[in-house]
Protein backbone atom coordinates (compact mmCIF):
# COMPACT_ATOMS: atom_id res chain seq x y z
CA MET A 1 -32.25 18.62 -12.72
CA LEU A 2 -32.18 17.24 -9.21
CA LYS A 3 -29.49 18.50 -6.81
CA VAL A 4 -27.14 16.65 -4.50
CA SER A 5 -25.40 18.38 -2.18
CA VAL A 6 -23.17 16.45 0.36
CA ILE A 7 -22.41 19.11 3.99
CA SER A 8 -19.44 17.55 5.90
CA SER A 9 -20.69 18.93 9.09
CA ALA A 10 -24.40 19.52 10.44
CA GLU A 11 -23.07 22.83 12.28
CA LEU A 12 -22.63 24.27 8.73
CA VAL A 13 -25.86 24.11 7.18
CA LYS A 14 -28.02 26.87 7.22
CA ASP A 15 -32.10 26.10 7.52
CA TRP A 16 -32.84 28.01 4.25
CA GLU A 17 -30.58 25.59 2.50
CA LEU A 18 -32.81 22.56 4.18
CA TRP A 19 -36.17 24.25 3.43
CA GLY A 20 -38.28 21.87 0.69
CA LYS A 21 -35.86 18.97 0.22
CA THR A 22 -34.89 15.74 1.55
CA ALA A 23 -32.12 15.72 4.11
CA ILE A 24 -30.45 12.42 4.70
CA ALA A 25 -28.42 12.67 7.81
CA VAL A 26 -25.72 10.02 8.23
CA ASP A 27 -23.44 8.98 11.11
CA VAL A 28 -21.53 5.58 10.02
CA LEU A 29 -19.72 5.67 13.59
CA ARG A 30 -22.11 4.88 15.22
CA ALA A 31 -25.36 6.87 15.78
CA THR A 32 -27.40 6.60 12.61
CA THR A 33 -26.03 2.63 11.92
CA THR A 34 -27.21 1.82 15.78
CA ILE A 35 -30.84 3.44 15.01
CA VAL A 36 -31.11 1.27 12.14
CA ALA A 37 -30.04 -1.86 13.68
CA ALA A 38 -32.26 -1.07 16.55
CA PHE A 39 -35.57 -0.69 14.12
CA ASP A 40 -34.16 -4.20 12.29
CA ALA A 41 -34.30 -5.46 15.64
CA GLY A 42 -38.05 -4.16 16.34
CA CYS A 43 -38.01 -0.58 17.96
CA THR A 44 -40.88 1.62 17.33
CA GLU A 45 -40.15 4.87 17.95
CA CYS A 46 -36.66 6.28 18.64
CA TYR A 47 -36.72 9.93 19.72
CA PRO A 48 -33.22 11.91 18.67
CA ALA A 49 -32.00 14.21 21.89
CA THR A 50 -28.91 16.75 21.97
CA SER A 51 -28.27 16.26 25.56
CA PRO A 52 -28.32 13.73 28.04
CA ASP A 53 -30.57 15.60 30.06
CA GLU A 54 -32.35 16.07 27.63
CA ALA A 55 -32.83 12.34 26.79
CA ARG A 56 -33.93 11.90 30.27
CA ALA A 57 -36.45 14.18 30.09
CA MET A 58 -38.25 12.78 27.05
CA ARG A 59 -37.64 9.47 28.59
CA ARG A 60 -39.86 10.82 31.71
CA GLY A 61 -42.69 12.19 29.06
CA LEU A 62 -42.46 8.62 27.23
CA GLY A 63 -42.70 6.61 30.53
CA ASP A 64 -40.72 3.77 31.86
CA GLY A 65 -40.97 1.38 29.23
CA ALA A 66 -38.95 3.65 27.14
CA LEU A 67 -35.16 3.12 26.92
CA LEU A 68 -32.21 5.44 27.19
CA GLY A 69 -29.28 5.23 24.81
CA GLY A 70 -26.60 7.09 24.01
CA GLU A 71 -22.97 8.07 24.53
CA ARG A 72 -20.29 10.84 24.92
CA LYS A 73 -17.05 10.50 23.66
CA ALA A 74 -17.55 6.65 22.47
CA GLN A 75 -18.68 6.27 26.66
CA PRO A 76 -21.78 4.83 27.37
CA LEU A 77 -23.78 7.43 30.12
CA GLU A 78 -24.11 6.96 33.87
CA GLY A 79 -27.64 5.55 34.22
CA PHE A 80 -28.94 4.52 31.00
CA ASP A 81 -29.76 1.50 29.30
CA LEU A 82 -27.61 1.05 26.38
CA GLY A 83 -24.50 2.57 25.14
CA ASN A 84 -23.94 4.03 21.32
CA SER A 85 -22.98 0.60 20.34
CA PRO A 86 -25.82 -1.39 17.55
CA LEU A 87 -24.21 -4.45 18.55
CA GLU A 88 -26.17 -3.65 22.27
CA TYR A 89 -29.54 -2.93 20.44
CA THR A 90 -30.97 -6.26 20.31
CA ALA A 91 -34.09 -7.45 19.80
CA ASP A 92 -34.66 -9.09 23.42
CA ARG A 93 -33.55 -5.47 24.77
CA VAL A 94 -35.67 -3.28 22.17
CA ALA A 95 -38.65 -5.19 20.38
CA GLY A 96 -41.26 -3.89 20.98
CA ARG A 97 -40.03 -0.89 22.94
CA GLN A 98 -39.81 3.20 22.65
CA LEU A 99 -35.97 4.39 22.49
CA VAL A 100 -34.38 8.13 23.18
CA ILE A 101 -30.97 8.31 22.11
CA THR A 102 -28.49 10.66 22.65
CA THR A 103 -24.52 10.80 20.98
CA SER A 104 -21.84 13.48 20.97
CA ASN A 105 -22.31 13.80 16.90
CA GLY A 106 -25.37 12.06 15.38
CA THR A 107 -28.55 13.02 17.04
CA ALA A 108 -27.63 16.86 16.59
CA ALA A 109 -27.51 15.90 12.77
CA ILE A 110 -30.58 14.35 13.01
CA ARG A 111 -32.28 17.31 14.42
CA ARG A 112 -30.58 19.19 11.77
CA THR A 113 -32.97 17.50 9.51
CA GLY A 114 -36.14 18.44 10.80
CA ARG A 115 -35.57 21.63 8.87
CA ALA A 116 -36.55 19.78 5.78
CA ARG A 117 -39.36 18.60 3.67
CA ILE A 118 -38.52 14.77 5.19
CA GLY A 119 -35.54 13.59 7.09
CA LEU A 120 -33.85 10.55 6.26
CA ILE A 121 -31.25 7.98 8.60
CA ALA A 122 -29.04 6.48 6.55
CA SER A 123 -25.55 4.24 7.19
CA LEU A 124 -23.69 2.07 5.29
CA ARG A 125 -26.05 -0.44 6.16
CA ASN A 126 -29.02 0.88 4.54
CA ALA A 127 -27.32 3.05 2.12
CA ARG A 128 -28.35 1.20 -1.37
CA ALA A 129 -32.40 1.56 0.58
CA THR A 130 -31.87 5.39 1.28
CA ALA A 131 -30.72 6.41 -1.94
CA GLU A 132 -33.73 4.46 -3.63
CA ALA A 133 -36.18 6.08 -1.18
CA ALA A 134 -34.89 9.58 -1.75
CA TRP A 135 -35.13 9.32 -5.11
CA THR A 136 -38.66 7.92 -5.45
CA LEU A 137 -38.89 11.67 -3.15
CA GLN A 138 -37.67 13.25 -6.39
CA ARG A 139 -37.15 16.87 -4.31
CA ASP A 140 -33.48 18.17 -4.03
CA LEU A 141 -31.12 16.25 -1.76
CA VAL A 142 -28.81 17.36 0.90
CA ILE A 143 -26.80 14.43 2.43
CA LEU A 144 -25.68 15.81 6.50
CA CYS A 145 -22.52 14.44 7.50
CA ALA A 146 -22.47 14.27 11.52
CA GLY A 147 -18.76 14.52 11.26
CA THR A 148 -16.74 14.64 14.31
CA GLY A 149 -16.69 17.69 16.46
CA GLY A 150 -18.01 19.66 13.71
CA ARG A 151 -15.04 18.64 11.21
CA PHE A 152 -15.02 16.37 8.72
CA SER A 153 -14.65 13.22 8.93
CA LEU A 154 -13.92 10.12 6.42
CA GLU A 155 -16.09 7.57 7.23
CA ASP A 156 -19.29 9.79 6.95
CA THR A 157 -18.46 10.90 3.40
CA VAL A 158 -17.77 7.92 2.28
CA GLY A 159 -21.02 7.08 3.28
CA ALA A 160 -22.62 9.97 1.63
CA GLY A 161 -20.75 8.60 -1.59
CA MET A 162 -22.72 5.73 -1.55
CA ILE A 163 -25.70 7.05 -1.65
CA VAL A 164 -24.66 9.55 -4.53
CA ASP A 165 -23.06 6.81 -6.51
CA TYR A 166 -26.47 4.69 -6.22
CA LEU A 167 -28.74 8.44 -7.42
CA LEU A 168 -26.12 8.29 -10.20
CA LYS A 169 -26.24 4.90 -11.66
CA THR A 170 -30.43 5.27 -11.03
CA ALA A 171 -31.05 8.51 -12.60
CA ARG A 172 -32.59 8.60 -15.61
CA GLN A 173 -31.00 12.57 -15.85
CA ARG A 174 -28.07 14.33 -14.99
CA LEU A 175 -27.77 15.67 -11.24
CA ALA A 176 -26.43 18.27 -10.26
CA LEU A 177 -23.53 17.89 -7.72
CA ASN A 178 -22.19 20.06 -5.05
CA ASP A 179 -18.27 20.06 -4.80
CA LEU A 180 -18.37 17.91 -1.51
CA ALA A 181 -20.49 15.22 -3.15
CA THR A 182 -18.27 14.92 -6.71
CA ALA A 183 -15.57 14.59 -3.56
CA ALA A 184 -17.73 11.97 -1.76
CA HIS A 185 -18.35 10.04 -4.93
CA ASP A 186 -14.38 9.67 -5.34
CA LEU A 187 -13.62 8.74 -1.88
CA CYS A 188 -16.93 6.35 -2.68
CA ASN A 189 -15.04 4.44 -5.66
CA LEU A 190 -11.83 4.71 -3.57
CA TYR A 191 -12.93 2.80 -0.39
CA GLY A 192 -16.52 1.49 -1.36
CA HIS A 193 -15.14 -2.23 -1.91
CA ARG A 194 -13.23 -2.08 1.42
CA LEU A 195 -15.26 -0.29 3.95
CA LEU A 196 -13.78 -2.19 6.63
CA GLU A 197 -10.35 -0.69 6.12
CA LEU A 198 -11.63 2.74 5.75
CA LEU A 199 -13.09 2.50 8.92
CA GLN A 200 -9.86 1.26 10.26
CA LEU A 201 -8.16 3.83 8.62
CA SER A 202 -10.57 6.87 9.97
CA ALA A 203 -9.64 8.92 13.11
CA HIS A 204 -12.83 7.68 15.37
CA GLY A 205 -12.44 4.38 13.94
CA GLN A 206 -9.13 4.18 15.53
CA TYR A 207 -10.61 5.84 18.49
CA LEU A 208 -13.40 2.95 18.92
CA VAL A 209 -10.67 0.39 18.51
CA ARG A 210 -8.74 1.81 21.11
CA LEU A 211 -11.62 1.86 23.53
CA GLY A 212 -12.22 -1.69 22.52
CA HIS A 213 -15.22 -1.59 20.18
CA GLY A 214 -13.44 -3.37 16.99
CA ALA A 215 -16.65 -5.30 16.85
CA ASP A 216 -18.79 -2.02 15.97
CA LEU A 217 -16.34 -1.40 12.99
CA GLU A 218 -16.92 -4.82 11.52
CA PHE A 219 -21.02 -4.26 12.20
CA CYS A 220 -21.07 -1.02 10.84
CA ALA A 221 -18.62 -1.72 7.28
CA ARG A 222 -21.56 -4.23 6.41
CA ALA A 223 -22.79 -2.57 3.43
CA ASN A 224 -26.78 -2.53 2.09
CA VAL A 225 -27.71 -5.39 4.49
CA SER A 226 -30.79 -3.28 5.50
CA ARG A 227 -34.01 -2.43 3.29
CA LEU A 228 -35.06 -0.45 6.37
CA VAL A 229 -35.09 3.73 5.88
CA PRO A 230 -35.93 5.02 8.96
CA VAL A 231 -37.91 8.56 8.56
CA TYR A 232 -37.33 11.70 11.12
CA ALA A 233 -40.56 14.46 11.32
CA ALA A 234 -42.19 15.62 14.09
CA GLY A 235 -39.41 15.12 16.52
CA VAL A 236 -39.34 11.64 16.27
CA ILE A 237 -37.77 8.55 14.20
CA ARG A 238 -40.00 6.18 12.80
CA PRO A 239 -38.71 3.07 11.02
CA GLY A 240 -40.53 4.02 7.62
CA PRO A 241 -42.30 4.06 5.14
CA VAL A 242 -41.03 6.80 3.18
CA ALA A 243 -43.75 8.83 1.61
CA PRO A 244 -44.21 11.87 -0.47
């Protein structure tokens, strides 16, 4: 019986809870959505950084051809090539390029998945593909919600719940869910058919709308339009494929 755990914030997970498992990072608004969009647009590699200074240092190591992207408090960073809006990551900007990205919550969650056997990057846009990839690995699974400032976020929990829902539909055996995985699945049943409304109801979604990023919510709410499942290993995210 596979165990599936959802953690409300990556800050709450212990290293030993990840060892030997599959870990999935979810930051619907907006880091993991943006990374999936970047790879769909032809980005070759993505390096998640925990701070702007670390991101700048990583870019220097990669060379001038690499792009810098990211935000703090949902605002673009001075001197960076791109912010954290997935709408910026178009083929003419990122195709064939390496990317270094740092965000307030999402990149830290991604880095935490490095303690697991394998780390996957999920959003609403590739939730089904991520669940299918995780199922093929046949390892206990930890879904790390990025959260907001170390706290619960509605949109990430529903994203986790969508992955749980697809796993339950795929599993030929009963899954052992932790309490938050059960609650996330229930929230998915409540909001799964009105995802844009969900993002508009969420605290962070409302903050993004106030900043003029309402179009980002529409982009982030489109479920299962990508079959790509980015993989994080040895400090770099690549567009896959997922391997045992």
